[in-house]
Amino acid sequence: MLHTFNGVHPGSSQGERDWWLAHLWSLSMDALAVGLILLVLSSLVMAHEQREKRLLAGIAVALGCGICGFFVFGLRWL
């Protein structure tokens, strides 16, 4: 139930969140996503500057993309 709650009442015609806590949750999840993207991009830049760690960085990125793809697309079939 908590994972499907979006803060919009079923009868709402505008589809806007009308609860302040839902606004706060949405804002904090967006900020977390942006922070994680910046963290990954900065680590890729740092790994690119060190030639001996490029292979490990590529493997880590590939595994991360695979896991992300599983959570986004793969869980639909389970």
PDB file of N, CA and C in Angstrom:
ATOM      1  N   MET A   1       0.822  -1.192   0.000  1.00  0.00           N
ATOM      2  CA  MET A   1       0.000   0.000   0.000  1.00  0.00           C
ATOM      3  C   MET A   1       0.868   1.259   0.000  1.00  0.00           C
ATOM      4  N   LEU A   2       1.932   1.248   0.789  1.00  0.00           N
ATOM      5  CA  LEU A   2       2.773   2.447   0.861  1.00  0.00           C
ATOM      6  C   LEU A   2       3.543   2.686  -0.431  1.00  0.00           C
ATOM      7  N   HIS A   3       3.862   1.635  -1.169  1.00  0.00           N
ATOM      8  CA  HIS A   3       4.625   1.800  -2.402  1.00  0.00           C
ATOM      9  C   HIS A   3       3.765   2.292  -3.557  1.00  0.00           C
ATOM     10  N   THR A   4       2.455   2.184  -3.433  1.00  0.00           N
ATOM     11  CA  THR A   4       1.577   2.645  -4.502  1.00  0.00           C
ATOM     12  C   THR A   4       0.906   3.964  -4.160  1.00  0.00           C
ATOM     13  N   PHE A   5       1.129   4.497  -2.982  1.00  0.00           N
ATOM     14  CA  PHE A   5       0.509   5.758  -2.577  1.00  0.00           C
ATOM     15  C   PHE A   5       1.199   6.915  -3.287  1.00  0.00           C
ATOM     16  N   ASN A   6       0.449   7.748  -3.973  1.00  0.00           N
ATOM     17  CA  ASN A   6       1.038   8.870  -4.682  1.00  0.00           C
ATOM     18  C   ASN A   6       0.575  10.228  -4.167  1.00  0.00           C
ATOM     19  N   GLY A   7      -0.275  10.252  -3.152  1.00  0.00           N
ATOM     20  CA  GLY A   7      -0.713  11.509  -2.558  1.00  0.00           C
ATOM     21  C   GLY A   7      -1.887  12.153  -3.261  1.00  0.00           C
ATOM     22  N   VAL A   8      -2.447  11.502  -4.257  1.00  0.00           N
ATOM     23  CA  VAL A   8      -3.582  12.048  -4.997  1.00  0.00           C
ATOM     24  C   VAL A   8      -4.814  11.255  -4.617  1.00  0.00           C
ATOM     25  N   HIS A   9      -5.873  11.967  -4.266  1.00  0.00           N
ATOM     26  CA  HIS A   9      -7.126  11.282  -3.932  1.00  0.00           C
ATOM     27  C   HIS A   9      -7.742  10.690  -5.195  1.00  0.00           C
ATOM     28  N   PRO A  10      -8.380   9.522  -5.075  1.00  0.00           N
ATOM     29  CA  PRO A  10      -8.942   8.873  -6.268  1.00  0.00           C
ATOM     30  C   PRO A  10      -9.968   9.731  -7.013  1.00  0.00           C
ATOM     31  N   GLY A  11     -10.711  10.554  -6.341  1.00  0.00           N
ATOM     32  CA  GLY A  11     -11.736  11.366  -6.992  1.00  0.00           C
ATOM     33  C   GLY A  11     -11.241  12.716  -7.477  1.00  0.00           C
ATOM     34  N   SER A  12      -9.963  12.987  -7.356  1.00  0.00           N
ATOM     35  CA  SER A  12      -9.417  14.285  -7.743  1.00  0.00           C
ATOM     36  C   SER A  12      -9.406  14.434  -9.263  1.00  0.00           C
ATOM     37  N   SER A  13      -9.994  15.507  -9.749  1.00  0.00           N
ATOM     38  CA  SER A  13     -10.047  15.714 -11.197  1.00  0.00           C
ATOM     39  C   SER A  13      -8.754  16.326 -11.739  1.00  0.00           C
ATOM     40  N   GLN A  14      -8.015  17.067 -10.899  1.00  0.00           N
ATOM     41  CA  GLN A  14      -6.800  17.726 -11.361  1.00  0.00           C
ATOM     42  C   GLN A  14      -5.577  16.828 -11.248  1.00  0.00           C
ATOM     43  N   GLY A  15      -5.617  15.836 -10.390  1.00  0.00           N
ATOM     44  CA  GLY A  15      -4.498  14.925 -10.236  1.00  0.00           C
ATOM     45  C   GLY A  15      -3.316  15.534  -9.502  1.00  0.00           C
ATOM     46  N   GLU A  16      -3.550  16.527  -8.680  1.00  0.00           N
ATOM     47  CA  GLU A  16      -2.472  17.163  -7.926  1.00  0.00           C
ATOM     48  C   GLU A  16      -2.407  16.598  -6.514  1.00  0.00           C
ATOM     49  N   ARG A  17      -1.208  16.596  -5.964  1.00  0.00           N
ATOM     50  CA  ARG A  17      -1.038  16.147  -4.582  1.00  0.00           C
ATOM     51  C   ARG A  17      -1.620  17.225  -3.664  1.00  0.00           C
ATOM     52  N   ASP A  18      -2.449  16.798  -2.755  1.00  0.00           N
ATOM     53  CA  ASP A  18      -3.070  17.774  -1.867  1.00  0.00           C
ATOM     54  C   ASP A  18      -2.645  17.584  -0.409  1.00  0.00           C
ATOM     55  N   TRP A  19      -1.577  16.834  -0.204  1.00  0.00           N
ATOM     56  CA  TRP A  19      -1.107  16.594   1.149  1.00  0.00           C
ATOM     57  C   TRP A  19       0.333  17.073   1.224  1.00  0.00           C
ATOM     58  N   TRP A  20       0.671  17.892   2.187  1.00  0.00           N
ATOM     59  CA  TRP A  20       2.005  18.505   2.264  1.00  0.00           C
ATOM     60  C   TRP A  20       3.100  17.462   2.431  1.00  0.00           C
ATOM     61  N   LEU A  21       2.785  16.370   3.124  1.00  0.00           N
ATOM     62  CA  LEU A  21       3.792  15.328   3.312  1.00  0.00           C
ATOM     63  C   LEU A  21       4.115  14.618   1.993  1.00  0.00           C
ATOM     64  N   ALA A  22       3.125  14.481   1.119  1.00  0.00           N
ATOM     65  CA  ALA A  22       3.375  13.887  -0.196  1.00  0.00           C
ATOM     66  C   ALA A  22       4.259  14.807  -1.029  1.00  0.00           C
ATOM     67  N   HIS A  23       4.068  16.115  -0.918  1.00  0.00           N
ATOM     68  CA  HIS A  23       4.938  17.070  -1.614  1.00  0.00           C
ATOM     69  C   HIS A  23       6.374  16.956  -1.104  1.00  0.00           C
ATOM     70  N   LEU A  24       6.508  16.883   0.216  1.00  0.00           N
ATOM     71  CA  LEU A  24       7.832  16.776   0.824  1.00  0.00           C
ATOM     72  C   LEU A  24       8.522  15.475   0.411  1.00  0.00           C
ATOM     73  N   TRP A  25       7.796  14.375   0.395  1.00  0.00           N
ATOM     74  CA  TRP A  25       8.351  13.089   0.001  1.00  0.00           C
ATOM     75  C   TRP A  25       8.798  13.124  -1.460  1.00  0.00           C
ATOM     76  N   SER A  26       7.973  13.675  -2.312  1.00  0.00           N
ATOM     77  CA  SER A  26       8.311  13.763  -3.733  1.00  0.00           C
ATOM     78  C   SER A  26       9.552  14.623  -3.953  1.00  0.00           C
ATOM     79  N   LEU A  27       9.632  15.734  -3.261  1.00  0.00           N
ATOM     80  CA  LEU A  27      10.795  16.609  -3.389  1.00  0.00           C
ATOM     81  C   LEU A  27      12.065  15.923  -2.884  1.00  0.00           C
ATOM     82  N   SER A  28      11.979  15.222  -1.766  1.00  0.00           N
ATOM     83  CA  SER A  28      13.164  14.569  -1.220  1.00  0.00           C
ATOM     84  C   SER A  28      13.614  13.398  -2.106  1.00  0.00           C
ATOM     85  N   MET A  29      12.687  12.675  -2.725  1.00  0.00           N
ATOM     86  CA  MET A  29      13.067  11.583  -3.629  1.00  0.00           C
ATOM     87  C   MET A  29      13.703  12.128  -4.906  1.00  0.00           C
ATOM     88  N   ASP A  30      13.210  13.261  -5.403  1.00  0.00           N
ATOM     89  CA  ASP A  30      13.828  13.886  -6.571  1.00  0.00           C
ATOM     90  C   ASP A  30      15.233  14.373  -6.239  1.00  0.00           C
ATOM     91  N   ALA A  31      15.406  14.961  -5.064  1.00  0.00           N
ATOM     92  CA  ALA A  31      16.727  15.432  -4.649  1.00  0.00           C
ATOM     93  C   ALA A  31      17.691  14.259  -4.475  1.00  0.00           C
ATOM     94  N   LEU A  32      17.216  13.156  -3.942  1.00  0.00           N
ATOM     95  CA  LEU A  32      18.046  11.967  -3.791  1.00  0.00           C
ATOM     96  C   LEU A  32      18.477  11.421  -5.154  1.00  0.00           C
ATOM     97  N   ALA A  33      17.555  11.380  -6.111  1.00  0.00           N
ATOM     98  CA  ALA A  33      17.886  10.893  -7.450  1.00  0.00           C
ATOM     99  C   ALA A  33      18.931  11.781  -8.118  1.00  0.00           C
ATOM    100  N   VAL A  34      18.777  13.093  -8.003  1.00  0.00           N
ATOM    101  CA  VAL A  34      19.753  14.013  -8.590  1.00  0.00           C
ATOM    102  C   VAL A  34      21.112  13.844  -7.912  1.00  0.00           C
ATOM    103  N   GLY A  35      21.116  13.695  -6.602  1.00  0.00           N
ATOM    104  CA  GLY A  35      22.365  13.489  -5.870  1.00  0.00           C
ATOM    105  C   GLY A  35      23.077  12.214  -6.282  1.00  0.00           C
ATOM    106  N   LEU A  36      22.330  11.138  -6.479  1.00  0.00           N
ATOM    107  CA  LEU A  36      22.935   9.877  -6.902  1.00  0.00           C
ATOM    108  C   LEU A  36      23.494   9.974  -8.325  1.00  0.00           C
ATOM    109  N   ILE A  37      22.785  10.677  -9.191  1.00  0.00           N
ATOM    110  CA  ILE A  37      23.284  10.862 -10.556  1.00  0.00           C
ATOM    111  C   ILE A  37      24.590  11.653 -10.538  1.00  0.00           C
ATOM    112  N   LEU A  38      24.648  12.716  -9.756  1.00  0.00           N
ATOM    113  CA  LEU A  38      25.879  13.500  -9.650  1.00  0.00           C
ATOM    114  C   LEU A  38      27.015  12.691  -9.047  1.00  0.00           C
ATOM    115  N   LEU A  39      26.703  11.844  -8.083  1.00  0.00           N
ATOM    116  CA  LEU A  39      27.714  10.996  -7.466  1.00  0.00           C
ATOM    117  C   LEU A  39      28.308  10.019  -8.479  1.00  0.00           C
ATOM    118  N   VAL A  40      27.472   9.402  -9.285  1.00  0.00           N
ATOM    119  CA  VAL A  40      27.946   8.452 -10.287  1.00  0.00           C
ATOM    120  C   VAL A  40      28.755   9.171 -11.361  1.00  0.00           C
ATOM    121  N   LEU A  41      28.270  10.314 -11.825  1.00  0.00           N
ATOM    122  CA  LEU A  41      29.001  11.046 -12.862  1.00  0.00           C
ATOM    123  C   LEU A  41      30.368  11.512 -12.367  1.00  0.00           C
ATOM    124  N   SER A  42      30.444  11.977 -11.130  1.00  0.00           N
ATOM    125  CA  SER A  42      31.743  12.418 -10.603  1.00  0.00           C
ATOM    126  C   SER A  42      32.694  11.242 -10.422  1.00  0.00           C
ATOM    127  N   SER A  43      32.172  10.072 -10.061  1.00  0.00           N
ATOM    128  CA  SER A  43      33.050   8.909  -9.929  1.00  0.00           C
ATOM    129  C   SER A  43      33.555   8.447 -11.292  1.00  0.00           C
ATOM    130  N   LEU A  44      32.727   8.585 -12.334  1.00  0.00           N
ATOM    131  CA  LEU A  44      33.186   8.227 -13.672  1.00  0.00           C
ATOM    132  C   LEU A  44      34.290   9.168 -14.147  1.00  0.00           C
ATOM    133  N   VAL A  45      34.158  10.437 -13.837  1.00  0.00           N
ATOM    134  CA  VAL A  45      35.200  11.401 -14.212  1.00  0.00           C
ATOM    135  C   VAL A  45      36.500  11.070 -13.488  1.00  0.00           C
ATOM    136  N   MET A  46      36.416  10.763 -12.207  1.00  0.00           N
ATOM    137  CA  MET A  46      37.622  10.424 -11.449  1.00  0.00           C
ATOM    138  C   MET A  46      38.243   9.122 -11.944  1.00  0.00           C
ATOM    139  N   ALA A  47      37.426   8.137 -12.304  1.00  0.00           N
ATOM    140  CA  ALA A  47      37.958   6.871 -12.807  1.00  0.00           C
ATOM    141  C   ALA A  47      38.571   7.050 -14.188  1.00  0.00           C
ATOM    142  N   HIS A  48      38.049   7.951 -14.974  1.00  0.00           N
ATOM    143  CA  HIS A  48      38.589   8.187 -16.316  1.00  0.00           C
ATOM    144  C   HIS A  48      39.987   8.790 -16.245  1.00  0.00           C
ATOM    145  N   GLU A  49      40.246   9.579 -15.211  1.00  0.00           N
ATOM    146  CA  GLU A  49      41.555  10.211 -15.067  1.00  0.00           C
ATOM    147  C   GLU A  49      42.635   9.218 -14.642  1.00  0.00           C
ATOM    148  N   GLN A  50      42.258   8.105 -14.058  1.00  0.00           N
ATOM    149  CA  GLN A  50      43.226   7.087 -13.644  1.00  0.00           C
ATOM    150  C   GLN A  50      43.133   5.919 -14.620  1.00  0.00           C
ATOM    151  N   ARG A  51      44.121   5.799 -15.478  1.00  0.00           N
ATOM    152  CA  ARG A  51      44.080   4.806 -16.555  1.00  0.00           C
ATOM    153  C   ARG A  51      43.981   3.368 -16.041  1.00  0.00           C
ATOM    154  N   GLU A  52      44.650   3.072 -14.945  1.00  0.00           N
ATOM    155  CA  GLU A  52      44.661   1.685 -14.463  1.00  0.00           C
ATOM    156  C   GLU A  52      43.315   1.247 -13.887  1.00  0.00           C
ATOM    157  N   LYS A  53      42.417   2.174 -13.622  1.00  0.00           N
ATOM    158  CA  LYS A  53      41.120   1.818 -13.041  1.00  0.00           C
ATOM    159  C   LYS A  53      39.965   1.943 -14.029  1.00  0.00           C
ATOM    160  N   ARG A  54      40.253   2.184 -15.294  1.00  0.00           N
ATOM    161  CA  ARG A  54      39.184   2.334 -16.282  1.00  0.00           C
ATOM    162  C   ARG A  54      38.407   1.043 -16.496  1.00  0.00           C
ATOM    163  N   LEU A  55      39.094  -0.070 -16.507  1.00  0.00           N
ATOM    164  CA  LEU A  55      38.413  -1.353 -16.704  1.00  0.00           C
ATOM    165  C   LEU A  55      37.463  -1.643 -15.541  1.00  0.00           C
ATOM    166  N   LEU A  56      37.934  -1.434 -14.325  1.00  0.00           N
ATOM    167  CA  LEU A  56      37.071  -1.664 -13.151  1.00  0.00           C
ATOM    168  C   LEU A  56      35.884  -0.710 -13.138  1.00  0.00           C
ATOM    169  N   ALA A  57      36.121   0.531 -13.544  1.00  0.00           N
ATOM    170  CA  ALA A  57      35.015   1.491 -13.606  1.00  0.00           C
ATOM    171  C   ALA A  57      33.994   1.067 -14.656  1.00  0.00           C
ATOM    172  N   GLY A  58      34.459   0.567 -15.796  1.00  0.00           N
ATOM    173  CA  GLY A  58      33.541   0.090 -16.832  1.00  0.00           C
ATOM    174  C   GLY A  58      32.724  -1.101 -16.374  1.00  0.00           C
ATOM    175  N   ILE A  59      33.366  -2.012 -15.654  1.00  0.00           N
ATOM    176  CA  ILE A  59      32.652  -3.172 -15.117  1.00  0.00           C
ATOM    177  C   ILE A  59      31.604  -2.728 -14.099  1.00  0.00           C
ATOM    178  N   ALA A  60      31.971  -1.792 -13.237  1.00  0.00           N
ATOM    179  CA  ALA A  60      31.032  -1.297 -12.232  1.00  0.00           C
ATOM    180  C   ALA A  60      29.833  -0.603 -12.872  1.00  0.00           C
ATOM    181  N   VAL A  61      30.089   0.170 -13.921  1.00  0.00           N
ATOM    182  CA  VAL A  61      28.991   0.848 -14.619  1.00  0.00           C
ATOM    183  C   VAL A  61      28.084  -0.174 -15.303  1.00  0.00           C
ATOM    184  N   ALA A  62      28.674  -1.174 -15.936  1.00  0.00           N
ATOM    185  CA  ALA A  62      27.871  -2.204 -16.607  1.00  0.00           C
ATOM    186  C   ALA A  62      27.014  -2.977 -15.609  1.00  0.00           C
ATOM    187  N   LEU A  63      27.592  -3.343 -14.480  1.00  0.00           N
ATOM    188  CA  LEU A  63      26.813  -4.040 -13.451  1.00  0.00           C
ATOM    189  C   LEU A  63      25.709  -3.152 -12.887  1.00  0.00           C
ATOM    190  N   GLY A  64      26.029  -1.899 -12.674  1.00  0.00           N
ATOM    191  CA  GLY A  64      25.019  -0.962 -12.168  1.00  0.00           C
ATOM    192  C   GLY A  64      23.868  -0.778 -13.135  1.00  0.00           C
ATOM    193  N   CYS A  65      24.193  -0.679 -14.432  1.00  0.00           N
ATOM    194  CA  CYS A  65      23.136  -0.562 -15.441  1.00  0.00           C
ATOM    195  C   CYS A  65      22.294  -1.833 -15.497  1.00  0.00           C
ATOM    196  N   GLY A  66      22.936  -2.980 -15.358  1.00  0.00           N
ATOM    197  CA  GLY A  66      22.198  -4.234 -15.359  1.00  0.00           C
ATOM    198  C   GLY A  66      21.253  -4.352 -14.177  1.00  0.00           C
ATOM    199  N   ILE A  67      21.717  -3.980 -13.007  1.00  0.00           N
ATOM    200  CA  ILE A  67      20.868  -4.032 -11.815  1.00  0.00           C
ATOM    201  C   ILE A  67      19.731  -3.032 -11.917  1.00  0.00           C
ATOM    202  N   CYS A  68      20.037  -1.839 -12.407  1.00  0.00           N
ATOM    203  CA  CYS A  68      19.000  -0.828 -12.590  1.00  0.00           C
ATOM    204  C   CYS A  68      17.948  -1.314 -13.584  1.00  0.00           C
ATOM    205  N   GLY A  69      18.401  -1.907 -14.675  1.00  0.00           N
ATOM    206  CA  GLY A  69      17.471  -2.452 -15.658  1.00  0.00           C
ATOM    207  C   GLY A  69      16.599  -3.545 -15.079  1.00  0.00           C
ATOM    208  N   PHE A  70      17.176  -4.350 -14.189  1.00  0.00           N
ATOM    209  CA  PHE A  70      16.381  -5.386 -13.539  1.00  0.00           C
ATOM    210  C   PHE A  70      15.280  -4.781 -12.686  1.00  0.00           C
ATOM    211  N   PHE A  71      15.599  -3.751 -11.928  1.00  0.00           N
ATOM    212  CA  PHE A  71      14.593  -3.143 -11.061  1.00  0.00           C
ATOM    213  C   PHE A  71      13.544  -2.368 -11.855  1.00  0.00           C
ATOM    214  N   VAL A  72      13.940  -1.786 -12.973  1.00  0.00           N
ATOM    215  CA  VAL A  72      12.982  -1.015 -13.764  1.00  0.00           C
ATOM    216  C   VAL A  72      12.123  -1.919 -14.640  1.00  0.00           C
ATOM    217  N   PHE A  73      12.742  -2.885 -15.317  1.00  0.00           N
ATOM    218  CA  PHE A  73      12.000  -3.715 -16.271  1.00  0.00           C
ATOM    219  C   PHE A  73      11.801  -5.156 -15.799  1.00  0.00           C
ATOM    220  N   GLY A  74      12.781  -5.731 -15.142  1.00  0.00           N
ATOM    221  CA  GLY A  74      12.732  -7.153 -14.789  1.00  0.00           C
ATOM    222  C   GLY A  74      11.702  -7.506 -13.739  1.00  0.00           C
ATOM    223  N   LEU A  75      11.431  -6.623 -12.814  1.00  0.00           N
ATOM    224  CA  LEU A  75      10.473  -6.939 -11.749  1.00  0.00           C
ATOM    225  C   LEU A  75       9.046  -7.022 -12.248  1.00  0.00           C
ATOM    226  N   ARG A  76       8.791  -6.555 -13.452  1.00  0.00           N
ATOM    227  CA  ARG A  76       7.439  -6.653 -14.003  1.00  0.00           C
ATOM    228  C   ARG A  76       7.062  -8.102 -14.296  1.00  0.00           C
ATOM    229  N   TRP A  77       8.080  -8.938 -14.585  1.00  0.00           N
ATOM    230  CA  TRP A  77       7.793 -10.323 -14.949  1.00  0.00           C
ATOM    231  C   TRP A  77       7.813 -11.267 -13.765  1.00  0.00           C
ATOM    232  N   LEU A  78       8.187 -10.792 -12.600  1.00  0.00           N
ATOM    233  CA  LEU A  78       8.206 -11.679 -11.420  1.00  0.00           C
ATOM    234  C   LEU A  78       6.868 -11.746 -10.752  1.00  0.00           C
TER     235      LEU A  78
END
